[in-house]
Amino acid sequence: SREAAEDQQLVAAALALALLTLAFLRWNSLRVTRRFFPDRSL
């Protein structure tokens, strides 16, 4: 249906925000060590 396009926008925006937040949490943990690892997860 036409509503599926609106749901796609919700999914894309929410997933992007979730991954960005996880990236921030990862960076914050790395920052606590005062050393930046050669991290591939970030």
Full PDB file with SEQRES, HELIX, SHEET, SSBOND, CRYST1, ORIGX, SCALE, CONECT and MASTER records, all heavy atoms in Angstrom:
SEQRES   1 A   42  SER ARG GLU ALA ALA GLU ASP GLN GLN LEU VAL ALA ALA          
SEQRES   2 A   42  ALA LEU ALA LEU ALA LEU LEU THR LEU ALA PHE LEU ARG          
SEQRES   3 A   42  TRP ASN SER LEU ARG VAL THR ARG ARG PHE PHE PRO ASP          
SEQRES   4 A   42  ARG SER LEU                                                  
HELIX    1 AA1 GLU A    3  VAL A   32  1                                  30    
CRYST1    1.000    1.000    1.000  90.00  90.00  90.00 P 1           1          
ORIGX1      1.000000  0.000000  0.000000        0.00000                         
ORIGX2      0.000000  1.000000  0.000000        0.00000                         
ORIGX3      0.000000  0.000000  1.000000        0.00000                         
SCALE1      1.000000  0.000000  0.000000        0.00000                         
SCALE2      0.000000  1.000000  0.000000        0.00000                         
SCALE3      0.000000  0.000000  1.000000        0.00000                         
ATOM      1  N   SER A   1       0.830  -1.204   0.000  1.00  0.00           N  
ATOM      2  CA  SER A   1       0.000   0.000   0.000  1.00  0.00           C  
ATOM      3  C   SER A   1       0.861   1.250   0.000  1.00  0.00           C  
ATOM      4  O   SER A   1       2.087   1.189   0.127  1.00  0.00           O  
ATOM      5  CB  SER A   1      -0.922   0.002   1.222  1.00  0.00           C  
ATOM      6  OG  SER A   1      -0.163   0.119   2.411  1.00  0.00           O  
ATOM      7  N   ARG A   2       0.221   2.410  -0.133  1.00  0.00           N  
ATOM      8  CA  ARG A   2       0.964   3.669  -0.157  1.00  0.00           C  
ATOM      9  C   ARG A   2       1.617   3.961   1.192  1.00  0.00           C  
ATOM     10  O   ARG A   2       2.655   4.609   1.258  1.00  0.00           O  
ATOM     11  CB  ARG A   2       0.009   4.812  -0.521  1.00  0.00           C  
ATOM     12  CG  ARG A   2      -0.543   4.726  -1.948  1.00  0.00           C  
ATOM     13  CD  ARG A   2      -1.473   5.883  -2.236  1.00  0.00           C  
ATOM     14  NE  ARG A   2      -0.795   7.164  -2.050  1.00  0.00           N  
ATOM     15  CZ  ARG A   2      -1.423   8.339  -2.139  1.00  0.00           C  
ATOM     16  NH1 ARG A   2      -2.735   8.379  -2.366  1.00  0.00           N  
ATOM     17  NH2 ARG A   2      -0.743   9.469  -1.974  1.00  0.00           N  
ATOM     18  N   GLU A   3       1.010   3.484   2.278  1.00  0.00           N  
ATOM     19  CA  GLU A   3       1.577   3.736   3.606  1.00  0.00           C  
ATOM     20  C   GLU A   3       2.927   3.065   3.783  1.00  0.00           C  
ATOM     21  O   GLU A   3       3.713   3.467   4.652  1.00  0.00           O  
ATOM     22  CB  GLU A   3       0.615   3.253   4.690  1.00  0.00           C  
ATOM     23  CG  GLU A   3      -0.648   4.090   4.854  1.00  0.00           C  
ATOM     24  CD  GLU A   3      -1.695   3.778   3.802  1.00  0.00           C  
ATOM     25  OE1 GLU A   3      -1.482   2.813   3.025  1.00  0.00           O  
ATOM     26  OE2 GLU A   3      -2.716   4.500   3.746  1.00  0.00           O  
ATOM     27  N   ALA A   4       3.227   2.035   2.996  1.00  0.00           N  
ATOM     28  CA  ALA A   4       4.499   1.331   3.139  1.00  0.00           C  
ATOM     29  C   ALA A   4       5.683   2.255   2.893  1.00  0.00           C  
ATOM     30  O   ALA A   4       6.748   2.072   3.487  1.00  0.00           O  
ATOM     31  CB  ALA A   4       4.548   0.140   2.181  1.00  0.00           C  
ATOM     32  N   ALA A   5       5.515   3.258   2.017  1.00  0.00           N  
ATOM     33  CA  ALA A   5       6.600   4.209   1.764  1.00  0.00           C  
ATOM     34  C   ALA A   5       6.910   5.029   3.017  1.00  0.00           C  
ATOM     35  O   ALA A   5       8.077   5.284   3.332  1.00  0.00           O  
ATOM     36  CB  ALA A   5       6.225   5.123   0.603  1.00  0.00           C  
ATOM     37  N   GLU A   6       5.875   5.463   3.751  1.00  0.00           N  
ATOM     38  CA  GLU A   6       6.095   6.196   4.999  1.00  0.00           C  
ATOM     39  C   GLU A   6       6.796   5.314   6.026  1.00  0.00           C  
ATOM     40  O   GLU A   6       7.665   5.780   6.780  1.00  0.00           O  
ATOM     41  CB  GLU A   6       4.769   6.687   5.552  1.00  0.00           C  
ATOM     42  CG  GLU A   6       4.046   7.690   4.672  1.00  0.00           C  
ATOM     43  CD  GLU A   6       2.726   8.119   5.265  1.00  0.00           C  
ATOM     44  OE1 GLU A   6       2.346   7.555   6.326  1.00  0.00           O  
ATOM     45  OE2 GLU A   6       2.077   9.006   4.693  1.00  0.00           O  
ATOM     46  N   ASP A   7       6.427   4.043   6.078  1.00  0.00           N  
ATOM     47  CA  ASP A   7       7.065   3.123   7.015  1.00  0.00           C  
ATOM     48  C   ASP A   7       8.530   2.920   6.673  1.00  0.00           C  
ATOM     49  O   ASP A   7       9.367   2.765   7.566  1.00  0.00           O  
ATOM     50  CB  ASP A   7       6.320   1.787   7.014  1.00  0.00           C  
ATOM     51  CG  ASP A   7       4.868   1.933   7.440  1.00  0.00           C  
ATOM     52  OD1 ASP A   7       4.613   2.744   8.346  1.00  0.00           O  
ATOM     53  OD2 ASP A   7       4.006   1.260   6.864  1.00  0.00           O  
ATOM     54  N   GLN A   8       8.865   2.921   5.381  1.00  0.00           N  
ATOM     55  CA  GLN A   8      10.263   2.808   4.977  1.00  0.00           C  
ATOM     56  C   GLN A   8      11.069   3.995   5.502  1.00  0.00           C  
ATOM     57  O   GLN A   8      12.207   3.828   5.943  1.00  0.00           O  
ATOM     58  CB  GLN A   8      10.377   2.746   3.459  1.00  0.00           C  
ATOM     59  CG  GLN A   8      11.834   2.651   2.972  1.00  0.00           C  
ATOM     60  CD  GLN A   8      11.948   2.606   1.457  1.00  0.00           C  
ATOM     61  OE1 GLN A   8      10.971   2.300   0.756  1.00  0.00           O  
ATOM     62  NE2 GLN A   8      13.121   2.921   0.937  1.00  0.00           N  
ATOM     63  N   GLN A   9      10.476   5.188   5.486  1.00  0.00           N  
ATOM     64  CA  GLN A   9      11.166   6.362   6.010  1.00  0.00           C  
ATOM     65  C   GLN A   9      11.427   6.203   7.512  1.00  0.00           C  
ATOM     66  O   GLN A   9      12.518   6.539   8.006  1.00  0.00           O  
ATOM     67  CB  GLN A   9      10.317   7.620   5.770  1.00  0.00           C  
ATOM     68  CG  GLN A   9       9.917   7.854   4.329  1.00  0.00           C  
ATOM     69  CD  GLN A   9      11.104   8.089   3.431  1.00  0.00           C  
ATOM     70  OE1 GLN A   9      11.956   8.925   3.715  1.00  0.00           O  
ATOM     71  NE2 GLN A   9      11.181   7.348   2.339  1.00  0.00           N  
ATOM     72  N   LEU A  10      10.437   5.689   8.240  1.00  0.00           N  
ATOM     73  CA  LEU A  10      10.619   5.461   9.670  1.00  0.00           C  
ATOM     74  C   LEU A  10      11.739   4.462   9.926  1.00  0.00           C  
ATOM     75  O   LEU A  10      12.599   4.677  10.797  1.00  0.00           O  
ATOM     76  CB  LEU A  10       9.325   4.932  10.301  1.00  0.00           C  
ATOM     77  CG  LEU A  10       8.264   5.915  10.780  1.00  0.00           C  
ATOM     78  CD1 LEU A  10       7.126   5.159  11.435  1.00  0.00           C  
ATOM     79  CD2 LEU A  10       8.846   6.937  11.734  1.00  0.00           C  
ATOM     80  N   VAL A  11      11.734   3.367   9.172  1.00  0.00           N  
ATOM     81  CA  VAL A  11      12.735   2.317   9.360  1.00  0.00           C  
ATOM     82  C   VAL A  11      14.133   2.860   9.080  1.00  0.00           C  
ATOM     83  O   VAL A  11      15.069   2.656   9.872  1.00  0.00           O  
ATOM     84  CB  VAL A  11      12.427   1.109   8.447  1.00  0.00           C  
ATOM     85  CG1 VAL A  11      13.607   0.141   8.423  1.00  0.00           C  
ATOM     86  CG2 VAL A  11      11.169   0.399   8.924  1.00  0.00           C  
ATOM     87  N   ALA A  12      14.283   3.568   7.968  1.00  0.00           N  
ATOM     88  CA  ALA A  12      15.608   4.072   7.590  1.00  0.00           C  
ATOM     89  C   ALA A  12      16.134   5.077   8.610  1.00  0.00           C  
ATOM     90  O   ALA A  12      17.293   5.000   9.040  1.00  0.00           O  
ATOM     91  CB  ALA A  12      15.536   4.698   6.201  1.00  0.00           C  
ATOM     92  N   ALA A  13      15.292   6.035   9.004  1.00  0.00           N  
ATOM     93  CA  ALA A  13      15.733   7.056   9.949  1.00  0.00           C  
ATOM     94  C   ALA A  13      16.045   6.453  11.317  1.00  0.00           C  
ATOM     95  O   ALA A  13      17.054   6.797  11.955  1.00  0.00           O  
ATOM     96  CB  ALA A  13      14.665   8.142  10.075  1.00  0.00           C  
ATOM     97  N   ALA A  14      15.184   5.534  11.777  1.00  0.00           N  
ATOM     98  CA  ALA A  14      15.400   4.927  13.096  1.00  0.00           C  
ATOM     99  C   ALA A  14      16.652   4.067  13.109  1.00  0.00           C  
ATOM    100  O   ALA A  14      17.429   4.098  14.080  1.00  0.00           O  
ATOM    101  CB  ALA A  14      14.180   4.098  13.486  1.00  0.00           C  
ATOM    102  N   LEU A  15      16.877   3.297  12.051  1.00  0.00           N  
ATOM    103  CA  LEU A  15      18.072   2.457  12.005  1.00  0.00           C  
ATOM    104  C   LEU A  15      19.333   3.310  11.966  1.00  0.00           C  
ATOM    105  O   LEU A  15      20.327   2.995  12.640  1.00  0.00           O  
ATOM    106  CB  LEU A  15      18.018   1.535  10.784  1.00  0.00           C  
ATOM    107  CG  LEU A  15      19.208   0.592  10.610  1.00  0.00           C  
ATOM    108  CD1 LEU A  15      19.366  -0.317  11.824  1.00  0.00           C  
ATOM    109  CD2 LEU A  15      19.062  -0.235   9.339  1.00  0.00           C  
ATOM    110  N   ALA A  16      19.303   4.387  11.190  1.00  0.00           N  
ATOM    111  CA  ALA A  16      20.464   5.279  11.136  1.00  0.00           C  
ATOM    112  C   ALA A  16      20.765   5.863  12.513  1.00  0.00           C  
ATOM    113  O   ALA A  16      21.925   5.912  12.949  1.00  0.00           O  
ATOM    114  CB  ALA A  16      20.215   6.394  10.122  1.00  0.00           C  
ATOM    115  N   LEU A  17      19.719   6.286  13.239  1.00  0.00           N  
ATOM    116  CA  LEU A  17      19.920   6.843  14.574  1.00  0.00           C  
ATOM    117  C   LEU A  17      20.457   5.791  15.538  1.00  0.00           C  
ATOM    118  O   LEU A  17      21.356   6.077  16.351  1.00  0.00           O  
ATOM    119  CB  LEU A  17      18.599   7.415  15.102  1.00  0.00           C  
ATOM    120  CG  LEU A  17      18.638   8.005  16.519  1.00  0.00           C  
ATOM    121  CD1 LEU A  17      19.643   9.133  16.612  1.00  0.00           C  
ATOM    122  CD2 LEU A  17      17.241   8.490  16.931  1.00  0.00           C  
ATOM    123  N   ALA A  18      19.938   4.570  15.463  1.00  0.00           N  
ATOM    124  CA  ALA A  18      20.419   3.505  16.346  1.00  0.00           C  
ATOM    125  C   ALA A  18      21.893   3.215  16.109  1.00  0.00           C  
ATOM    126  O   ALA A  18      22.674   3.085  17.065  1.00  0.00           O  
ATOM    127  CB  ALA A  18      19.586   2.237  16.135  1.00  0.00           C  
ATOM    128  N   LEU A  19      22.306   3.119  14.846  1.00  0.00           N  
ATOM    129  CA  LEU A  19      23.714   2.827  14.536  1.00  0.00           C  
ATOM    130  C   LEU A  19      24.618   3.998  14.907  1.00  0.00           C  
ATOM    131  O   LEU A  19      25.744   3.788  15.391  1.00  0.00           O  
ATOM    132  CB  LEU A  19      23.853   2.478  13.057  1.00  0.00           C  
ATOM    133  CG  LEU A  19      23.153   1.184  12.615  1.00  0.00           C  
ATOM    134  CD1 LEU A  19      23.309   0.971  11.116  1.00  0.00           C  
ATOM    135  CD2 LEU A  19      23.695  -0.023  13.376  1.00  0.00           C  
ATOM    136  N   LEU A  20      24.152   5.221  14.689  1.00  0.00           N  
ATOM    137  CA  LEU A  20      24.949   6.389  15.090  1.00  0.00           C  
ATOM    138  C   LEU A  20      25.141   6.424  16.599  1.00  0.00           C  
ATOM    139  O   LEU A  20      26.228   6.745  17.089  1.00  0.00           O  
ATOM    140  CB  LEU A  20      24.273   7.676  14.620  1.00  0.00           C  
ATOM    141  CG  LEU A  20      24.466   8.058  13.153  1.00  0.00           C  
ATOM    142  CD1 LEU A  20      23.626   9.282  12.806  1.00  0.00           C  
ATOM    143  CD2 LEU A  20      25.942   8.329  12.851  1.00  0.00           C  
ATOM    144  N   THR A  21      24.087   6.084  17.336  1.00  0.00           N  
ATOM    145  CA  THR A  21      24.197   6.069  18.795  1.00  0.00           C  
ATOM    146  C   THR A  21      25.154   4.984  19.261  1.00  0.00           C  
ATOM    147  O   THR A  21      25.965   5.201  20.183  1.00  0.00           O  
ATOM    148  CB  THR A  21      22.817   5.861  19.432  1.00  0.00           C  
ATOM    149  OG1 THR A  21      21.916   6.838  18.937  1.00  0.00           O  
ATOM    150  CG2 THR A  21      22.907   5.987  20.938  1.00  0.00           C  
ATOM    151  N   LEU A  22      25.098   3.818  18.641  1.00  0.00           N  
ATOM    152  CA  LEU A  22      26.040   2.757  18.988  1.00  0.00           C  
ATOM    153  C   LEU A  22      27.469   3.176  18.671  1.00  0.00           C  
ATOM    154  O   LEU A  22      28.406   2.839  19.413  1.00  0.00           O  
ATOM    155  CB  LEU A  22      25.682   1.482  18.233  1.00  0.00           C  
ATOM    156  CG  LEU A  22      24.438   0.729  18.734  1.00  0.00           C  
ATOM    157  CD1 LEU A  22      24.102  -0.421  17.785  1.00  0.00           C  
ATOM    158  CD2 LEU A  22      24.647   0.202  20.145  1.00  0.00           C  
ATOM    159  N   ALA A  23      27.652   3.919  17.570  1.00  0.00           N  
ATOM    160  CA  ALA A  23      28.986   4.426  17.242  1.00  0.00           C  
ATOM    161  C   ALA A  23      29.466   5.398  18.318  1.00  0.00           C  
ATOM    162  O   ALA A  23      30.638   5.372  18.721  1.00  0.00           O  
ATOM    163  CB  ALA A  23      28.963   5.112  15.876  1.00  0.00           C  
ATOM    164  N   PHE A  24      28.557   6.246  18.792  1.00  0.00           N  
ATOM    165  CA  PHE A  24      28.920   7.179  19.857  1.00  0.00           C  
ATOM    166  C   PHE A  24      29.297   6.433  21.138  1.00  0.00           C  
ATOM    167  O   PHE A  24      30.294   6.776  21.803  1.00  0.00           O  
ATOM    168  CB  PHE A  24      27.766   8.134  20.131  1.00  0.00           C  
ATOM    169  CG  PHE A  24      27.961   8.985  21.351  1.00  0.00           C  
ATOM    170  CD1 PHE A  24      28.810  10.083  21.320  1.00  0.00           C  
ATOM    171  CD2 PHE A  24      27.317   8.673  22.544  1.00  0.00           C  
ATOM    172  CE1 PHE A  24      29.007  10.863  22.453  1.00  0.00           C  
ATOM    173  CE2 PHE A  24      27.511   9.441  23.672  1.00  0.00           C  
ATOM    174  CZ  PHE A  24      28.354  10.538  23.631  1.00  0.00           C  
ATOM    175  N   LEU A  25      28.514   5.434  21.504  1.00  0.00           N  
ATOM    176  CA  LEU A  25      28.818   4.666  22.713  1.00  0.00           C  
ATOM    177  C   LEU A  25      30.147   3.942  22.579  1.00  0.00           C  
ATOM    178  O   LEU A  25      30.911   3.824  23.552  1.00  0.00           O  
ATOM    179  CB  LEU A  25      27.688   3.674  22.997  1.00  0.00           C  
ATOM    180  CG  LEU A  25      26.329   4.279  23.375  1.00  0.00           C  
ATOM    181  CD1 LEU A  25      25.264   3.193  23.480  1.00  0.00           C  
ATOM    182  CD2 LEU A  25      26.427   5.059  24.684  1.00  0.00           C  
ATOM    183  N   ARG A  26      30.438   3.433  21.381  1.00  0.00           N  
ATOM    184  CA  ARG A  26      31.722   2.767  21.138  1.00  0.00           C  
ATOM    185  C   ARG A  26      32.865   3.769  21.299  1.00  0.00           C  
ATOM    186  O   ARG A  26      33.864   3.483  21.952  1.00  0.00           O  
ATOM    187  CB  ARG A  26      31.713   2.181  19.723  1.00  0.00           C  
ATOM    188  CG  ARG A  26      32.996   1.456  19.317  1.00  0.00           C  
ATOM    189  CD  ARG A  26      33.021   0.056  19.876  1.00  0.00           C  
ATOM    190  NE  ARG A  26      34.136  -0.717  19.350  1.00  0.00           N  
ATOM    191  CZ  ARG A  26      34.219  -2.033  19.424  1.00  0.00           C  
ATOM    192  NH1 ARG A  26      33.258  -2.724  20.001  1.00  0.00           N  
ATOM    193  NH2 ARG A  26      35.266  -2.677  18.952  1.00  0.00           N  
ATOM    194  N   TRP A  27      32.715   4.933  20.676  1.00  0.00           N  
ATOM    195  CA  TRP A  27      33.749   5.971  20.782  1.00  0.00           C  
ATOM    196  C   TRP A  27      33.948   6.403  22.234  1.00  0.00           C  
ATOM    197  O   TRP A  27      35.084   6.612  22.681  1.00  0.00           O  
ATOM    198  CB  TRP A  27      33.348   7.170  19.934  1.00  0.00           C  
ATOM    199  CG  TRP A  27      34.220   8.369  20.149  1.00  0.00           C  
ATOM    200  CD1 TRP A  27      35.449   8.613  19.598  1.00  0.00           C  
ATOM    201  CD2 TRP A  27      33.944   9.490  20.997  1.00  0.00           C  
ATOM    202  NE1 TRP A  27      35.945   9.816  20.054  1.00  0.00           N  
ATOM    203  CE2 TRP A  27      35.036  10.368  20.910  1.00  0.00           C  
ATOM    204  CE3 TRP A  27      32.866   9.835  21.818  1.00  0.00           C  
ATOM    205  CZ2 TRP A  27      35.091  11.578  21.601  1.00  0.00           C  
ATOM    206  CZ3 TRP A  27      32.919  11.031  22.514  1.00  0.00           C  
ATOM    207  CH2 TRP A  27      34.009  11.887  22.405  1.00  0.00           C  
ATOM    208  N   ASN A  28      32.858   6.511  22.985  1.00  0.00           N  
ATOM    209  CA  ASN A  28      32.960   6.932  24.379  1.00  0.00           C  
ATOM    210  C   ASN A  28      33.730   5.910  25.203  1.00  0.00           C  
ATOM    211  O   ASN A  28      34.534   6.278  26.081  1.00  0.00           O  
ATOM    212  CB  ASN A  28      31.560   7.122  24.955  1.00  0.00           C  
ATOM    213  CG  ASN A  28      31.552   7.831  26.285  1.00  0.00           C  
ATOM    214  OD1 ASN A  28      32.178   8.884  26.435  1.00  0.00           O  
ATOM    215  ND2 ASN A  28      30.852   7.280  27.257  1.00  0.00           N  
ATOM    216  N   SER A  29      33.532   4.620  24.928  1.00  0.00           N  
ATOM    217  CA  SER A  29      34.291   3.589  25.638  1.00  0.00           C  
ATOM    218  C   SER A  29      35.765   3.639  25.270  1.00  0.00           C  
ATOM    219  O   SER A  29      36.642   3.496  26.135  1.00  0.00           O  
ATOM    220  CB  SER A  29      33.717   2.203  25.326  1.00  0.00           C  
ATOM    221  OG  SER A  29      32.444   2.043  25.895  1.00  0.00           O  
ATOM    222  N   LEU A  30      36.056   3.842  23.991  1.00  0.00           N  
ATOM    223  CA  LEU A  30      37.448   3.962  23.572  1.00  0.00           C  
ATOM    224  C   LEU A  30      38.102   5.175  24.224  1.00  0.00           C  
ATOM    225  O   LEU A  30      39.272   5.130  24.617  1.00  0.00           O  
ATOM    226  CB  LEU A  30      37.532   4.075  22.047  1.00  0.00           C  
ATOM    227  CG  LEU A  30      37.174   2.821  21.241  1.00  0.00           C  
ATOM    228  CD1 LEU A  30      37.065   3.162  19.762  1.00  0.00           C  
ATOM    229  CD2 LEU A  30      38.213   1.736  21.447  1.00  0.00           C  
ATOM    230  N   ARG A  31      37.351   6.257  24.331  1.00  0.00           N  
ATOM    231  CA  ARG A  31      37.898   7.496  24.897  1.00  0.00           C  
ATOM    232  C   ARG A  31      38.260   7.330  26.362  1.00  0.00           C  
ATOM    233  O   ARG A  31      39.218   7.951  26.848  1.00  0.00           O  
ATOM    234  CB  ARG A  31      36.855   8.607  24.740  1.00  0.00           C  
ATOM    235  CG  ARG A  31      37.310   9.982  25.141  1.00  0.00           C  
ATOM    236  CD  ARG A  31      36.301  11.013  24.669  1.00  0.00           C  
ATOM    237  NE  ARG A  31      35.017  10.814  25.321  1.00  0.00           N  
ATOM    238  CZ  ARG A  31      34.554  11.614  26.292  1.00  0.00           C  
ATOM    239  NH1 ARG A  31      35.298  12.626  26.722  1.00  0.00           N  
ATOM    240  NH2 ARG A  31      33.377  11.408  26.816  1.00  0.00           N  
ATOM    241  N   VAL A  32      37.509   6.496  27.089  1.00  0.00           N  
ATOM    242  CA  VAL A  32      37.791   6.274  28.510  1.00  0.00           C  
ATOM    243  C   VAL A  32      39.184   5.692  28.702  1.00  0.00           C  
ATOM    244  O   VAL A  32      39.870   5.989  29.685  1.00  0.00           O  
ATOM    245  CB  VAL A  32      36.729   5.338  29.124  1.00  0.00           C  
ATOM    246  CG1 VAL A  32      37.143   4.872  30.511  1.00  0.00           C  
ATOM    247  CG2 VAL A  32      35.387   6.053  29.191  1.00  0.00           C  
ATOM    248  N   THR A  33      39.636   4.867  27.748  1.00  0.00           N  
ATOM    249  CA  THR A  33      40.952   4.245  27.874  1.00  0.00           C  
ATOM    250  C   THR A  33      42.093   5.212  27.591  1.00  0.00           C  
ATOM    251  O   THR A  33      43.251   4.881  27.845  1.00  0.00           O  
ATOM    252  CB  THR A  33      41.079   3.063  26.894  1.00  0.00           C  
ATOM    253  OG1 THR A  33      41.117   3.561  25.554  1.00  0.00           O  
ATOM    254  CG2 THR A  33      39.912   2.109  27.052  1.00  0.00           C  
ATOM    255  N   ARG A  34      41.752   6.397  27.050  1.00  0.00           N  
ATOM    256  CA  ARG A  34      42.752   7.389  26.632  1.00  0.00           C  
ATOM    257  C   ARG A  34      43.688   6.848  25.565  1.00  0.00           C  
ATOM    258  O   ARG A  34      44.795   7.341  25.374  1.00  0.00           O  
ATOM    259  CB  ARG A  34      43.550   7.904  27.828  1.00  0.00           C  
ATOM    260  CG  ARG A  34      42.710   8.724  28.796  1.00  0.00           C  
ATOM    261  CD  ARG A  34      43.555   9.334  29.890  1.00  0.00           C  
ATOM    262  NE  ARG A  34      42.720  10.131  30.782  1.00  0.00           N  
ATOM    263  CZ  ARG A  34      43.182  10.731  31.882  1.00  0.00           C  
ATOM    264  NH1 ARG A  34      44.443  10.620  32.216  1.00  0.00           N  
ATOM    265  NH2 ARG A  34      42.366  11.438  32.640  1.00  0.00           N  
ATOM    266  N   ARG A  35      43.252   5.802  24.895  1.00  0.00           N  
ATOM    267  CA  ARG A  35      43.979   5.247  23.760  1.00  0.00           C  
ATOM    268  C   ARG A  35      42.965   4.891  22.693  1.00  0.00           C  
ATOM    269  O   ARG A  35      41.904   4.357  22.997  1.00  0.00           O  
ATOM    270  CB  ARG A  35      44.757   3.989  24.149  1.00  0.00           C  
ATOM    271  CG  ARG A  35      45.734   4.206  25.286  1.00  0.00           C  
ATOM    272  CD  ARG A  35      46.559   2.970  25.530  1.00  0.00           C  
ATOM    273  NE  ARG A  35      47.424   3.152  26.678  1.00  0.00           N  
ATOM    274  CZ  ARG A  35      48.396   2.315  27.013  1.00  0.00           C  
ATOM    275  NH1 ARG A  35      48.615   1.246  26.280  1.00  0.00           N  
ATOM    276  NH2 ARG A  35      49.136   2.535  28.077  1.00  0.00           N  
ATOM    277  N   PHE A  36      43.262   5.223  21.467  1.00  0.00           N  
ATOM    278  CA  PHE A  36      42.366   4.887  20.374  1.00  0.00           C  
ATOM    279  C   PHE A  36      42.915   3.663  19.659  1.00  0.00           C  
ATOM    280  O   PHE A  36      43.955   3.707  19.026  1.00  0.00           O  
ATOM    281  CB  PHE A  36      42.207   6.066  19.423  1.00  0.00           C  
ATOM    282  CG  PHE A  36      41.395   7.186  20.005  1.00  0.00           C  
ATOM    283  CD1 PHE A  36      41.998   8.180  20.751  1.00  0.00           C  
ATOM    284  CD2 PHE A  36      40.034   7.226  19.835  1.00  0.00           C  
ATOM    285  CE1 PHE A  36      41.264   9.203  21.310  1.00  0.00           C  
ATOM    286  CE2 PHE A  36      39.279   8.251  20.384  1.00  0.00           C  
ATOM    287  CZ  PHE A  36      39.901   9.243  21.130  1.00  0.00           C  
ATOM    288  N   PHE A  37      42.215   2.577  19.808  1.00  0.00           N  
ATOM    289  CA  PHE A  37      42.641   1.334  19.203  1.00  0.00           C  
ATOM    290  C   PHE A  37      42.471   1.416  17.676  1.00  0.00           C  
ATOM    291  O   PHE A  37      41.690   2.214  17.180  1.00  0.00           O  
ATOM    292  CB  PHE A  37      41.780   0.175  19.716  1.00  0.00           C  
ATOM    293  CG  PHE A  37      41.802   0.002  21.204  1.00  0.00           C  
ATOM    294  CD1 PHE A  37      41.043   0.831  22.014  1.00  0.00           C  
ATOM    295  CD2 PHE A  37      42.565  -0.985  21.794  1.00  0.00           C  
ATOM    296  CE1 PHE A  37      41.041   0.666  23.385  1.00  0.00           C  
ATOM    297  CE2 PHE A  37      42.560  -1.160  23.165  1.00  0.00           C  
ATOM    298  CZ  PHE A  37      41.802  -0.327  23.965  1.00  0.00           C  
ATOM    299  N   PRO A  38      43.155   0.589  16.926  1.00  0.00           N  
ATOM    300  CA  PRO A  38      42.848   0.478  15.487  1.00  0.00           C  
ATOM    301  C   PRO A  38      41.523  -0.267  15.316  1.00  0.00           C  
ATOM    302  O   PRO A  38      41.484  -1.438  14.942  1.00  0.00           O  
ATOM    303  CB  PRO A  38      44.036  -0.319  14.941  1.00  0.00           C  
ATOM    304  CG  PRO A  38      44.538  -1.117  16.100  1.00  0.00           C  
ATOM    305  CD  PRO A  38      44.295  -0.263  17.320  1.00  0.00           C  
ATOM    306  N   ASP A  39      40.447   0.433  15.641  1.00  0.00           N  
ATOM    307  CA  ASP A  39      39.116  -0.175  15.764  1.00  0.00           C  
ATOM    308  C   ASP A  39      38.423  -0.198  14.406  1.00  0.00           C  
ATOM    309  O   ASP A  39      38.386   0.812  13.713  1.00  0.00           O  
ATOM    310  CB  ASP A  39      38.301   0.657  16.760  1.00  0.00           C  
ATOM    311  CG  ASP A  39      36.924   0.082  17.008  1.00  0.00           C  
ATOM    312  OD1 ASP A  39      36.829  -1.143  17.136  1.00  0.00           O  
ATOM    313  OD2 ASP A  39      35.967   0.856  17.073  1.00  0.00           O  
ATOM    314  N   ARG A  40      37.858  -1.345  14.032  1.00  0.00           N  
ATOM    315  CA  ARG A  40      37.107  -1.403  12.775  1.00  0.00           C  
ATOM    316  C   ARG A  40      35.607  -1.378  13.019  1.00  0.00           C  
ATOM    317  O   ARG A  40      34.836  -1.226  12.076  1.00  0.00           O  
ATOM    318  CB  ARG A  40      37.493  -2.657  11.989  1.00  0.00           C  
ATOM    319  CG  ARG A  40      37.098  -3.981  12.612  1.00  0.00           C  
ATOM    320  CD  ARG A  40      37.641  -5.135  11.802  1.00  0.00           C  
ATOM    321  NE  ARG A  40      37.210  -6.432  12.307  1.00  0.00           N  
ATOM    322  CZ  ARG A  40      37.991  -7.504  12.342  1.00  0.00           C  
ATOM    323  NH1 ARG A  40      39.240  -7.421  11.917  1.00  0.00           N  
ATOM    324  NH2 ARG A  40      37.517  -8.660  12.795  1.00  0.00           N  
ATOM    325  N   SER A  41      35.186  -1.517  14.263  1.00  0.00           N  
ATOM    326  CA  SER A  41      33.754  -1.499  14.566  1.00  0.00           C  
ATOM    327  C   SER A  41      33.172  -0.103  14.419  1.00  0.00           C  
ATOM    328  O   SER A  41      32.057   0.062  13.899  1.00  0.00           O  
ATOM    329  CB  SER A  41      33.512  -2.010  15.988  1.00  0.00           C  
ATOM    330  OG  SER A  41      33.940  -3.338  16.129  1.00  0.00           O  
ATOM    331  N   LEU A  42      33.905   0.909  14.871  1.00  0.00           N  
ATOM    332  CA  LEU A  42      33.412   2.278  14.783  1.00  0.00           C  
ATOM    333  C   LEU A  42      33.178   2.703  13.330  1.00  0.00           C  
ATOM    334  O   LEU A  42      32.093   3.210  13.004  1.00  0.00           O  
ATOM    335  CB  LEU A  42      34.374   3.231  15.497  1.00  0.00           C  
ATOM    336  CG  LEU A  42      33.957   4.699  15.582  1.00  0.00           C  
ATOM    337  CD1 LEU A  42      32.611   4.834  16.269  1.00  0.00           C  
ATOM    338  CD2 LEU A  42      35.019   5.499  16.336  1.00  0.00           C  
TER     339      LEU A  42                                                      
MASTER        0    0    0    1    0    0    0    6  338    1    0    4          
END                                                                             
